[in-house]
Amino acid sequence: MYIKKYLIAFLLLCPLMLQAQKKKLSDEYYENKKIPESLAVPIREALSLYPELKDISIDFLFKEHINNAVMQAQPRVRSLFKNKYKRVYKVKMQRMISLNDSLKSISTLPDDIIVGWVAHELGHIVDYLNRSSMQMVGFGMRYFTSRRYLRRAERRADTYAIQHGFADYLIKTKKYILMRDDLPADYRARIDNLYISPEEVHDIEQSVDPATTF
């Protein structure tokens, strides 16, 4: 009788214990990330499939304006010349999205769209992990001066995101951008020209190694 009672108690408590342990591990995973509460769910979802970023410090920050972008991933300058695994990165996120003559808070967009955007930026950070400090300086110079190099860098970030399991999210995000007439035309044209198209995503998911192809 006592054994039966203990067994029932164990079976009832076991899921709660596992849930508590999972929460503890989850909290540890994100403790070196600064994440705004309004976007916590999609950002955490994007981070969850990038295990190599577990110990990397990343600050997700709202900005009022980012040139030619909605989000942008960069190393913090003060950490640039540290060991590449001790650098601190920031993902800048434009607080408001321009829709024709109106503005819309980015936090009101569907979570899947934010996941796709963030997954792309985390792809950039994975790319940065493979670069020394001097290589990062060279990357920054070419990124801002060569459109050909810029396109390769953006497609490489997309490819990392695809290989980490975000193909469907990227397709949703790209279609959201390309099919909305109320988004600025120059921004939609930039996405169409520089980034992997929705039609390419699944082919790349099966075949491309981002470290060697671009």
Protein backbone atom coordinates (compact mmCIF):
# COMPACT_ATOMS: atom_id res chain seq x y z
CA MET A 1 0.00 0.00 0.00
CA TYR A 2 2.77 2.45 0.95
CA ILE A 3 4.75 1.58 -2.17
CA LYS A 4 1.68 2.30 -4.29
CA LYS A 5 1.19 5.69 -2.60
CA TYR A 6 4.86 6.62 -3.09
CA LEU A 7 4.68 5.54 -6.73
CA ILE A 8 1.60 7.68 -7.35
CA ALA A 9 3.22 10.66 -5.61
CA PHE A 10 6.38 10.22 -7.68
CA LEU A 11 4.42 10.06 -10.93
CA LEU A 12 2.55 13.23 -9.99
CA LEU A 13 5.65 15.13 -8.94
CA CYS A 14 7.96 13.98 -11.73
CA PRO A 15 6.53 16.27 -14.45
CA LEU A 16 6.72 19.24 -12.08
CA MET A 17 10.34 18.45 -11.25
CA LEU A 18 11.23 18.14 -14.94
CA GLN A 19 9.44 21.40 -15.71
CA ALA A 20 11.36 23.19 -12.94
CA GLN A 21 14.65 21.77 -14.19
CA LYS A 22 13.82 22.79 -17.74
CA LYS A 23 13.01 26.33 -16.58
CA LYS A 24 16.31 26.51 -14.69
CA LEU A 25 18.24 25.41 -17.77
CA SER A 26 16.26 27.84 -19.90
CA ASP A 27 17.02 30.73 -17.55
CA GLU A 28 20.73 29.84 -17.60
CA TYR A 29 20.67 29.79 -21.40
CA TYR A 30 19.40 33.37 -21.59
CA GLU A 31 21.13 34.92 -18.58
CA ASN A 32 23.79 36.61 -20.75
CA LYS A 33 21.20 38.01 -23.16
CA LYS A 34 19.40 41.34 -22.75
CA ILE A 35 15.95 40.85 -24.26
CA PRO A 36 13.10 43.38 -24.23
CA GLU A 37 10.02 41.90 -22.61
CA SER A 38 7.73 42.84 -25.50
CA LEU A 39 9.70 40.60 -27.91
CA ALA A 40 10.87 37.96 -25.43
CA VAL A 41 8.88 35.08 -26.94
CA PRO A 42 10.08 35.31 -30.58
CA ILE A 43 13.64 36.24 -29.62
CA ARG A 44 13.95 33.28 -27.26
CA GLU A 45 12.50 31.01 -29.95
CA ALA A 46 15.12 32.18 -32.42
CA LEU A 47 17.94 31.75 -29.89
CA SER A 48 16.79 28.25 -28.95
CA LEU A 49 18.06 26.75 -32.22
CA TYR A 50 21.48 28.44 -32.06
CA PRO A 51 23.27 26.34 -29.39
CA GLU A 52 26.65 27.82 -30.34
CA LEU A 53 25.41 31.19 -29.06
CA LYS A 54 24.56 29.89 -25.58
CA ASP A 55 27.63 31.45 -23.96
CA ILE A 56 27.75 34.52 -26.18
CA SER A 57 26.59 37.83 -24.72
CA ILE A 58 23.99 39.50 -26.93
CA ASP A 59 22.03 42.70 -26.22
CA PHE A 60 18.78 43.18 -28.12
CA LEU A 61 18.13 46.93 -28.24
CA PHE A 62 15.35 49.11 -29.59
CA LYS A 63 16.46 52.01 -31.79
CA GLU A 64 14.41 54.81 -33.24
CA HIS A 65 16.09 54.57 -36.64
CA ILE A 66 18.47 52.18 -38.42
CA ASN A 67 19.71 53.08 -41.89
CA ASN A 68 18.34 50.77 -44.59
CA ALA A 69 17.35 48.06 -42.11
CA VAL A 70 14.82 46.94 -39.55
CA MET A 71 17.40 44.98 -37.55
CA GLN A 72 21.19 44.99 -37.51
CA ALA A 73 23.69 42.75 -35.69
CA GLN A 74 27.11 44.13 -34.74
CA PRO A 75 29.85 43.51 -32.19
CA ARG A 76 30.13 46.12 -29.48
CA VAL A 77 33.20 48.18 -30.32
CA ARG A 78 34.66 47.94 -26.81
CA SER A 79 34.66 44.14 -27.05
CA LEU A 80 35.85 43.84 -30.65
CA PHE A 81 39.46 43.03 -29.81
CA LYS A 82 38.67 40.49 -27.10
CA ASN A 83 38.81 36.76 -27.68
CA LYS A 84 36.13 36.11 -30.29
CA TYR A 85 34.12 34.00 -27.83
CA LYS A 86 34.15 36.80 -25.23
CA ARG A 87 32.88 39.53 -27.50
CA VAL A 88 29.58 41.22 -26.76
CA TYR A 89 27.17 41.65 -29.64
CA LYS A 90 24.15 43.88 -30.10
CA VAL A 91 21.13 43.36 -32.27
CA LYS A 92 19.59 46.74 -32.96
CA MET A 93 15.87 46.67 -33.71
CA GLN A 94 13.91 49.57 -35.12
CA ARG A 95 11.17 50.30 -32.63
CA MET A 96 8.65 51.51 -35.22
CA ILE A 97 8.04 50.21 -38.75
CA SER A 98 7.14 52.77 -41.40
CA LEU A 99 3.95 51.85 -43.29
CA ASN A 100 3.27 54.54 -45.88
CA ASP A 101 2.37 57.60 -43.79
CA SER A 102 1.88 55.72 -40.53
CA LEU A 103 4.09 53.98 -37.99
CA LYS A 104 3.57 50.56 -36.42
CA SER A 105 5.36 49.17 -33.38
CA ILE A 106 7.56 46.22 -34.27
CA SER A 107 6.25 44.43 -31.18
CA THR A 108 2.79 44.25 -32.78
CA LEU A 109 4.01 42.15 -35.72
CA PRO A 110 3.27 38.39 -35.71
CA ASP A 111 5.81 36.39 -33.71
CA ASP A 112 6.73 34.24 -36.73
CA ILE A 113 7.82 37.35 -38.64
CA ILE A 114 10.02 38.50 -35.75
CA VAL A 115 11.53 35.01 -35.40
CA GLY A 116 12.57 35.08 -39.06
CA TRP A 117 14.09 38.54 -38.74
CA VAL A 118 15.99 37.66 -35.55
CA ALA A 119 17.15 34.30 -36.94
CA HIS A 120 18.79 36.15 -39.83
CA GLU A 121 20.61 38.52 -37.46
CA LEU A 122 21.80 35.59 -35.35
CA GLY A 123 23.14 34.10 -38.57
CA HIS A 124 25.35 37.19 -38.85
CA ILE A 125 26.62 36.63 -35.31
CA VAL A 126 27.49 32.99 -36.05
CA ASP A 127 29.40 34.28 -39.07
CA TYR A 128 31.24 36.79 -36.86
CA LEU A 129 32.31 34.02 -34.47
CA ASN A 130 34.46 32.57 -37.25
CA ARG A 131 36.39 35.83 -37.70
CA SER A 132 39.36 37.27 -35.85
CA SER A 133 39.29 40.89 -34.66
CA MET A 134 41.23 42.10 -37.71
CA GLN A 135 39.00 40.07 -40.00
CA MET A 136 36.00 41.77 -38.40
CA VAL A 137 37.50 45.18 -39.15
CA GLY A 138 37.98 44.15 -42.76
CA PHE A 139 34.46 42.75 -42.88
CA GLY A 140 32.99 46.04 -41.67
CA MET A 141 34.91 48.09 -44.23
CA ARG A 142 33.88 45.89 -47.15
CA TYR A 143 30.30 45.50 -45.90
CA PHE A 144 29.75 49.25 -46.10
CA THR A 145 31.73 49.92 -49.28
CA SER A 146 31.04 46.97 -51.59
CA ARG A 147 27.50 46.08 -52.64
CA ARG A 148 28.74 42.73 -53.95
CA TYR A 149 30.31 41.91 -50.58
CA LEU A 150 27.19 43.18 -48.78
CA ARG A 151 25.01 40.80 -50.81
CA ARG A 152 27.29 37.86 -50.05
CA ALA A 153 27.24 38.66 -46.32
CA GLU A 154 23.44 38.91 -46.22
CA ARG A 155 22.96 35.68 -48.14
CA ARG A 156 25.46 33.96 -45.85
CA ALA A 157 23.48 35.06 -42.78
CA ASP A 158 20.29 33.77 -44.41
CA THR A 159 22.00 30.46 -45.10
CA TYR A 160 23.09 30.03 -41.49
CA ALA A 161 19.50 30.70 -40.42
CA ILE A 162 18.21 28.13 -42.91
CA GLN A 163 20.66 25.49 -41.72
CA HIS A 164 19.60 26.13 -38.12
CA GLY A 165 16.01 25.22 -38.94
CA PHE A 166 14.45 28.58 -39.78
CA ALA A 167 13.60 28.04 -43.45
CA ASP A 168 9.84 28.38 -42.96
CA TYR A 169 10.26 31.44 -40.75
CA LEU A 170 12.50 33.14 -43.30
CA ILE A 171 9.98 32.49 -46.06
CA LYS A 172 7.21 34.03 -43.97
CA THR A 173 9.33 37.07 -43.13
CA LYS A 174 10.47 37.64 -46.71
CA LYS A 175 6.95 37.27 -48.10
CA TYR A 176 5.68 39.65 -45.42
CA ILE A 177 8.22 42.25 -46.58
CA LEU A 178 7.98 41.71 -50.34
CA MET A 179 4.19 41.53 -50.55
CA ARG A 180 3.31 44.57 -48.44
CA ASP A 181 2.73 47.61 -50.59
CA ASP A 182 2.63 49.79 -47.49
CA LEU A 183 6.31 49.15 -46.70
CA PRO A 184 8.74 51.60 -48.35
CA ALA A 185 9.45 50.54 -51.94
CA ASP A 186 13.20 51.10 -51.62
CA TYR A 187 13.36 48.79 -48.58
CA ARG A 188 11.41 46.04 -50.39
CA ALA A 189 13.71 46.40 -53.41
CA ARG A 190 16.77 46.10 -51.17
CA ILE A 191 15.46 42.87 -49.62
CA ASP A 192 14.59 41.48 -53.05
CA ASN A 193 18.07 42.26 -54.42
CA LEU A 194 20.39 41.42 -51.52
CA TYR A 195 18.81 38.47 -49.73
CA ILE A 196 17.91 34.88 -50.56
CA SER A 197 14.49 34.74 -52.20
CA PRO A 198 11.64 32.67 -50.73
CA GLU A 199 11.85 30.38 -53.75
CA GLU A 200 15.52 29.56 -53.07
CA VAL A 201 15.17 28.79 -49.39
CA HIS A 202 14.20 25.10 -49.47
CA ASP A 203 16.83 24.25 -52.13
CA ILE A 204 19.51 25.87 -49.99
CA GLU A 205 18.21 24.09 -46.90
CA GLN A 206 19.23 20.79 -48.47
CA SER A 207 22.58 21.64 -50.01
CA VAL A 208 24.52 24.73 -48.96
CA ASP A 209 27.42 25.04 -46.55
CA PRO A 210 27.47 28.76 -45.60
CA ALA A 211 31.10 28.70 -44.49
CA THR A 212 32.41 27.69 -47.90
CA THR A 213 29.88 28.61 -50.56
CA PHE A 214 29.92 32.41 -50.47
